[in-house]
PDB file of N, CA and C in Angstrom:
ATOM      1  N   MET A   1     104.770  93.097 149.585  1.00  0.00           N
ATOM      2  CA  MET A   1     104.876  92.924 150.877  1.00  0.00           C
ATOM      3  C   MET A   1     106.177  91.809 150.082  1.00  0.00           C
ATOM      4  N   LYS A   2     107.324  92.275 150.798  1.00  0.00           N
ATOM      5  CA  LYS A   2     107.783  90.586 149.984  1.00  0.00           C
ATOM      6  C   LYS A   2     108.199  89.736 150.947  1.00  0.00           C
ATOM      7  N   ALA A   3     108.616  88.406 150.578  1.00  0.00           N
ATOM      8  CA  ALA A   3     108.826  87.417 151.946  1.00  0.00           C
ATOM      9  C   ALA A   3     110.109  86.675 151.397  1.00  0.00           C
ATOM     10  N   VAL A   4     111.305  86.476 152.352  1.00  0.00           N
ATOM     11  CA  VAL A   4     112.268  85.737 152.557  1.00  0.00           C
ATOM     12  C   VAL A   4     112.072  84.015 152.746  1.00  0.00           C
ATOM     13  N   LEU A   5     112.494  83.136 151.663  1.00  0.00           N
ATOM     14  CA  LEU A   5     112.183  81.700 152.330  1.00  0.00           C
ATOM     15  C   LEU A   5     113.751  81.287 152.076  1.00  0.00           C
ATOM     16  N   LEU A   6     113.802  80.771 153.277  1.00  0.00           N
ATOM     17  CA  LEU A   6     115.243  80.059 153.237  1.00  0.00           C
ATOM     18  C   LEU A   6     114.734  78.537 153.310  1.00  0.00           C
ATOM     19  N   ALA A   7     115.557  77.897 152.234  1.00  0.00           N
ATOM     20  CA  ALA A   7     115.325  76.677 151.470  1.00  0.00           C
ATOM     21  C   ALA A   7     116.847  75.881 151.344  1.00  0.00           C
ATOM     22  N   ALA A   8     117.350  75.708 152.319  1.00  0.00           N
ATOM     23  CA  ALA A   8     119.312  75.223 152.297  1.00  0.00           C
ATOM     24  C   ALA A   8     119.355  74.507 153.578  1.00  0.00           C
ATOM     25  N   GLY A   9     120.721  73.749 153.132  1.00  0.00           N
ATOM     26  CA  GLY A   9     120.786  72.498 153.904  1.00  0.00           C
ATOM     27  C   GLY A   9     120.625  71.613 153.578  1.00  0.00           C
ATOM     28  N   ARG A  10     121.184  70.386 154.225  1.00  0.00           N
ATOM     29  CA  ARG A  10     120.889  68.971 153.281  1.00  0.00           C
ATOM     30  C   ARG A  10     119.963  68.358 154.189  1.00  0.00           C
ATOM     31  N   GLY A  11     119.195  68.611 155.174  1.00  0.00           N
ATOM     32  CA  GLY A  11     118.441  67.862 155.943  1.00  0.00           C
ATOM     33  C   GLY A  11     118.438  67.006 156.506  1.00  0.00           C
ATOM     34  N   SER A  12     119.795  66.893 157.092  1.00  0.00           N
ATOM     35  CA  SER A  12     120.580  65.727 157.764  1.00  0.00           C
ATOM     36  C   SER A  12     119.979  65.178 159.073  1.00  0.00           C
ATOM     37  N   ARG A  13     119.266  66.059 160.291  1.00  0.00           N
ATOM     38  CA  ARG A  13     118.493  65.547 160.665  1.00  0.00           C
ATOM     39  C   ARG A  13     117.318  64.708 160.822  1.00  0.00           C
ATOM     40  N   LEU A  14     117.194  64.548 159.391  1.00  0.00           N
ATOM     41  CA  LEU A  14     115.674  63.877 158.876  1.00  0.00           C
ATOM     42  C   LEU A  14     116.460  62.114 158.533  1.00  0.00           C
ATOM     43  N   GLY A  15     117.731  62.223 159.126  1.00  0.00           N
ATOM     44  CA  GLY A  15     118.111  60.830 158.172  1.00  0.00           C
ATOM     45  C   GLY A  15     117.950  60.585 156.894  1.00  0.00           C
ATOM     46  N   HIS A  16     117.544  58.831 157.033  1.00  0.00           N
ATOM     47  CA  HIS A  16     117.432  58.151 155.694  1.00  0.00           C
ATOM     48  C   HIS A  16     115.955  58.993 154.870  1.00  0.00           C
ATOM     49  N   LEU A  17     115.266  59.794 155.439  1.00  0.00           N
ATOM     50  CA  LEU A  17     114.490  61.105 154.611  1.00  0.00           C
ATOM     51  C   LEU A  17     114.574  61.530 153.568  1.00  0.00           C
ATOM     52  N   THR A  18     115.811  61.994 153.345  1.00  0.00           N
ATOM     53  CA  THR A  18     116.398  62.951 152.822  1.00  0.00           C
ATOM     54  C   THR A  18     117.401  62.695 151.697  1.00  0.00           C
ATOM     55  N   GLU A  19     117.949  61.435 152.411  1.00  0.00           N
ATOM     56  CA  GLU A  19     118.799  61.174 151.450  1.00  0.00           C
ATOM     57  C   GLU A  19     119.182  61.241 149.670  1.00  0.00           C
ATOM     58  N   ASN A  20     117.874  61.117 149.361  1.00  0.00           N
ATOM     59  CA  ASN A  20     117.577  61.135 147.807  1.00  0.00           C
ATOM     60  C   ASN A  20     117.024  62.676 147.218  1.00  0.00           C
ATOM     61  N   ILE A  21     115.882  63.282 148.153  1.00  0.00           N
ATOM     62  CA  ILE A  21     115.354  63.995 148.050  1.00  0.00           C
ATOM     63  C   ILE A  21     115.476  65.636 148.657  1.00  0.00           C
ATOM     64  N   PRO A  22     115.922  66.437 148.196  1.00  0.00           N
ATOM     65  CA  PRO A  22     115.876  67.813 149.195  1.00  0.00           C
ATOM     66  C   PRO A  22     114.821  68.069 149.878  1.00  0.00           C
ATOM     67  N   LYS A  23     114.690  68.615 151.604  1.00  0.00           N
ATOM     68  CA  LYS A  23     113.798  68.615 152.801  1.00  0.00           C
ATOM     69  C   LYS A  23     112.584  69.232 151.959  1.00  0.00           C
ATOM     70  N   PRO A  24     113.240  70.335 151.620  1.00  0.00           N
ATOM     71  CA  PRO A  24     111.749  71.329 151.154  1.00  0.00           C
ATOM     72  C   PRO A  24     111.041  70.536 150.413  1.00  0.00           C
ATOM     73  N   LEU A  25     111.206  69.089 149.092  1.00  0.00           N
ATOM     74  CA  LEU A  25     110.401  68.576 148.151  1.00  0.00           C
ATOM     75  C   LEU A  25     109.826  67.640 148.939  1.00  0.00           C
ATOM     76  N   MET A  26     109.769  66.603 150.157  1.00  0.00           N
ATOM     77  CA  MET A  26     109.123  66.150 150.904  1.00  0.00           C
ATOM     78  C   MET A  26     108.165  66.544 151.098  1.00  0.00           C
ATOM     79  N   LYS A  27     106.557  64.816 150.991  1.00  0.00           N
ATOM     80  CA  LYS A  27     105.645  65.338 150.842  1.00  0.00           C
ATOM     81  C   LYS A  27     105.126  65.172 152.139  1.00  0.00           C
ATOM     82  N   VAL A  28     103.936  66.213 152.576  1.00  0.00           N
ATOM     83  CA  VAL A  28     103.208  66.176 153.607  1.00  0.00           C
ATOM     84  C   VAL A  28     101.866  65.930 153.122  1.00  0.00           C
ATOM     85  N   GLY A  29     101.571  64.911 153.149  1.00  0.00           N
ATOM     86  CA  GLY A  29      99.956  64.525 152.746  1.00  0.00           C
ATOM     87  C   GLY A  29      99.959  64.534 150.946  1.00  0.00           C
ATOM     88  N   HIS A  30      99.669  65.495 150.252  1.00  0.00           N
ATOM     89  CA  HIS A  30      99.572  65.180 148.469  1.00  0.00           C
ATOM     90  C   HIS A  30     100.394  66.711 148.465  1.00  0.00           C
ATOM     91  N   GLN A  31     101.236  67.532 149.020  1.00  0.00           N
ATOM     92  CA  GLN A  31     101.563  68.612 148.905  1.00  0.00           C
ATOM     93  C   GLN A  31     103.140  68.654 149.100  1.00  0.00           C
ATOM     94  N   THR A  32     103.922  68.865 148.604  1.00  0.00           N
ATOM     95  CA  THR A  32     105.466  69.347 149.333  1.00  0.00           C
ATOM     96  C   THR A  32     105.847  70.070 150.154  1.00  0.00           C
ATOM     97  N   CYS A  33     106.792  70.016 150.924  1.00  0.00           N
ATOM     98  CA  CYS A  33     106.977  71.244 151.811  1.00  0.00           C
ATOM     99  C   CYS A  33     106.604  72.822 151.557  1.00  0.00           C
ATOM    100  N   LEU A  34     107.365  72.672 150.129  1.00  0.00           N
ATOM    101  CA  LEU A  34     107.975  73.843 149.802  1.00  0.00           C
ATOM    102  C   LEU A  34     106.580  74.631 149.258  1.00  0.00           C
ATOM    103  N   ASP A  35     105.243  73.744 148.627  1.00  0.00           N
ATOM    104  CA  ASP A  35     104.186  73.984 148.187  1.00  0.00           C
ATOM    105  C   ASP A  35     103.466  74.494 149.431  1.00  0.00           C
ATOM    106  N   ILE A  36     103.359  74.307 150.637  1.00  0.00           N
ATOM    107  CA  ILE A  36     102.535  74.429 151.558  1.00  0.00           C
ATOM    108  C   ILE A  36     103.345  76.186 151.909  1.00  0.00           C
ATOM    109  N   VAL A  37     104.681  75.554 152.202  1.00  0.00           N
ATOM    110  CA  VAL A  37     105.076  77.203 152.136  1.00  0.00           C
ATOM    111  C   VAL A  37     104.485  78.458 151.226  1.00  0.00           C
ATOM    112  N   LEU A  38     104.795  77.918 150.545  1.00  0.00           N
ATOM    113  CA  LEU A  38     104.310  78.945 149.301  1.00  0.00           C
ATOM    114  C   LEU A  38     102.829  79.576 149.251  1.00  0.00           C
ATOM    115  N   GLU A  39     102.167  78.870 149.223  1.00  0.00           N
ATOM    116  CA  GLU A  39     100.626  78.972 149.048  1.00  0.00           C
ATOM    117  C   GLU A  39     100.421  79.876 150.409  1.00  0.00           C
ATOM    118  N   ALA A  40     100.832  79.552 151.661  1.00  0.00           N
ATOM    119  CA  ALA A  40     100.790  80.352 152.377  1.00  0.00           C
ATOM    120  C   ALA A  40     101.632  81.831 152.479  1.00  0.00           C
ATOM    121  N   LEU A  41     102.564  81.892 151.795  1.00  0.00           N
ATOM    122  CA  LEU A  41     103.292  83.062 151.832  1.00  0.00           C
ATOM    123  C   LEU A  41     102.588  83.839 150.728  1.00  0.00           C
ATOM    124  N   SER A  42     101.796  83.129 149.758  1.00  0.00           N
ATOM    125  CA  SER A  42     100.733  84.080 149.115  1.00  0.00           C
ATOM    126  C   SER A  42      99.923  84.797 149.318  1.00  0.00           C
ATOM    127  N   ALA A  43      99.101  84.179 150.160  1.00  0.00           N
ATOM    128  CA  ALA A  43      98.215  85.097 151.115  1.00  0.00           C
ATOM    129  C   ALA A  43      98.852  86.627 151.475  1.00  0.00           C
ATOM    130  N   VAL A  44     100.059  86.400 151.982  1.00  0.00           N
ATOM    131  CA  VAL A  44     100.635  87.820 152.859  1.00  0.00           C
ATOM    132  C   VAL A  44     101.719  89.068 151.672  1.00  0.00           C
ATOM    133  N   ALA A  45     102.143  88.107 150.691  1.00  0.00           N
ATOM    134  CA  ALA A  45     103.491  88.609 150.082  1.00  0.00           C
ATOM    135  C   ALA A  45     102.857  88.633 148.795  1.00  0.00           C
ATOM    136  N   ASP A  46     103.577  89.407 147.954  1.00  0.00           N
ATOM    137  CA  ASP A  46     103.572  89.476 146.979  1.00  0.00           C
ATOM    138  C   ASP A  46     104.433  89.140 146.018  1.00  0.00           C
ATOM    139  N   GLU A  47     105.866  89.011 146.560  1.00  0.00           N
ATOM    140  CA  GLU A  47     107.137  88.677 145.797  1.00  0.00           C
ATOM    141  C   GLU A  47     107.755  87.847 146.724  1.00  0.00           C
ATOM    142  N   VAL A  48     108.285  86.384 146.253  1.00  0.00           N
ATOM    143  CA  VAL A  48     108.668  85.079 147.139  1.00  0.00           C
ATOM    144  C   VAL A  48     110.321  85.505 147.153  1.00  0.00           C
ATOM    145  N   ILE A  49     111.122  86.018 147.590  1.00  0.00           N
ATOM    146  CA  ILE A  49     112.393  85.541 147.685  1.00  0.00           C
ATOM    147  C   ILE A  49     112.920  84.335 147.757  1.00  0.00           C
ATOM    148  N   ARG A  50     113.232  83.429 147.012  1.00  0.00           N
ATOM    149  CA  ARG A  50     114.094  81.792 147.560  1.00  0.00           C
ATOM    150  C   ARG A  50     115.435  82.032 147.519  1.00  0.00           C
ATOM    151  N   LEU A  51     116.092  81.615 148.673  1.00  0.00           N
ATOM    152  CA  LEU A  51     117.358  81.419 148.591  1.00  0.00           C
ATOM    153  C   LEU A  51     118.043  79.925 149.174  1.00  0.00           C
ATOM    154  N   THR A  52     118.595  79.487 148.167  1.00  0.00           N
ATOM    155  CA  THR A  52     119.333  78.668 148.601  1.00  0.00           C
ATOM    156  C   THR A  52     120.376  77.857 148.625  1.00  0.00           C
ATOM    157  N   SER A  53     121.112  76.721 148.623  1.00  0.00           N
ATOM    158  CA  SER A  53     122.559  76.397 148.959  1.00  0.00           C
ATOM    159  C   SER A  53     122.560  75.239 147.512  1.00  0.00           C
ATOM    160  N   GLN A  54     123.556  75.401 147.101  1.00  0.00           N
ATOM    161  CA  GLN A  54     124.318  74.325 146.368  1.00  0.00           C
ATOM    162  C   GLN A  54     124.646  73.185 146.456  1.00  0.00           C
ATOM    163  N   LEU A  55     124.272  71.998 146.854  1.00  0.00           N
ATOM    164  CA  LEU A  55     125.344  71.585 147.655  1.00  0.00           C
ATOM    165  C   LEU A  55     125.767  69.843 146.848  1.00  0.00           C
ATOM    166  N   GLU A  56     127.216  70.077 147.739  1.00  0.00           N
ATOM    167  CA  GLU A  56     127.979  69.402 146.291  1.00  0.00           C
ATOM    168  C   GLU A  56     127.846  67.711 146.608  1.00  0.00           C
TER     169      GLU A  56
END
């Protein structure tokens, strides 16, 4: 099964927490949000397609 991971946007609702780091790379405990999601998806998908946006 394929999974699509949407990892786009500025994370502006998180205010100062995302001034210097993208939302998917924020740490929750000792892992990034992206690592947590990829680990969960690997249990059910054999391919993950990641969609991102280029921020200026």
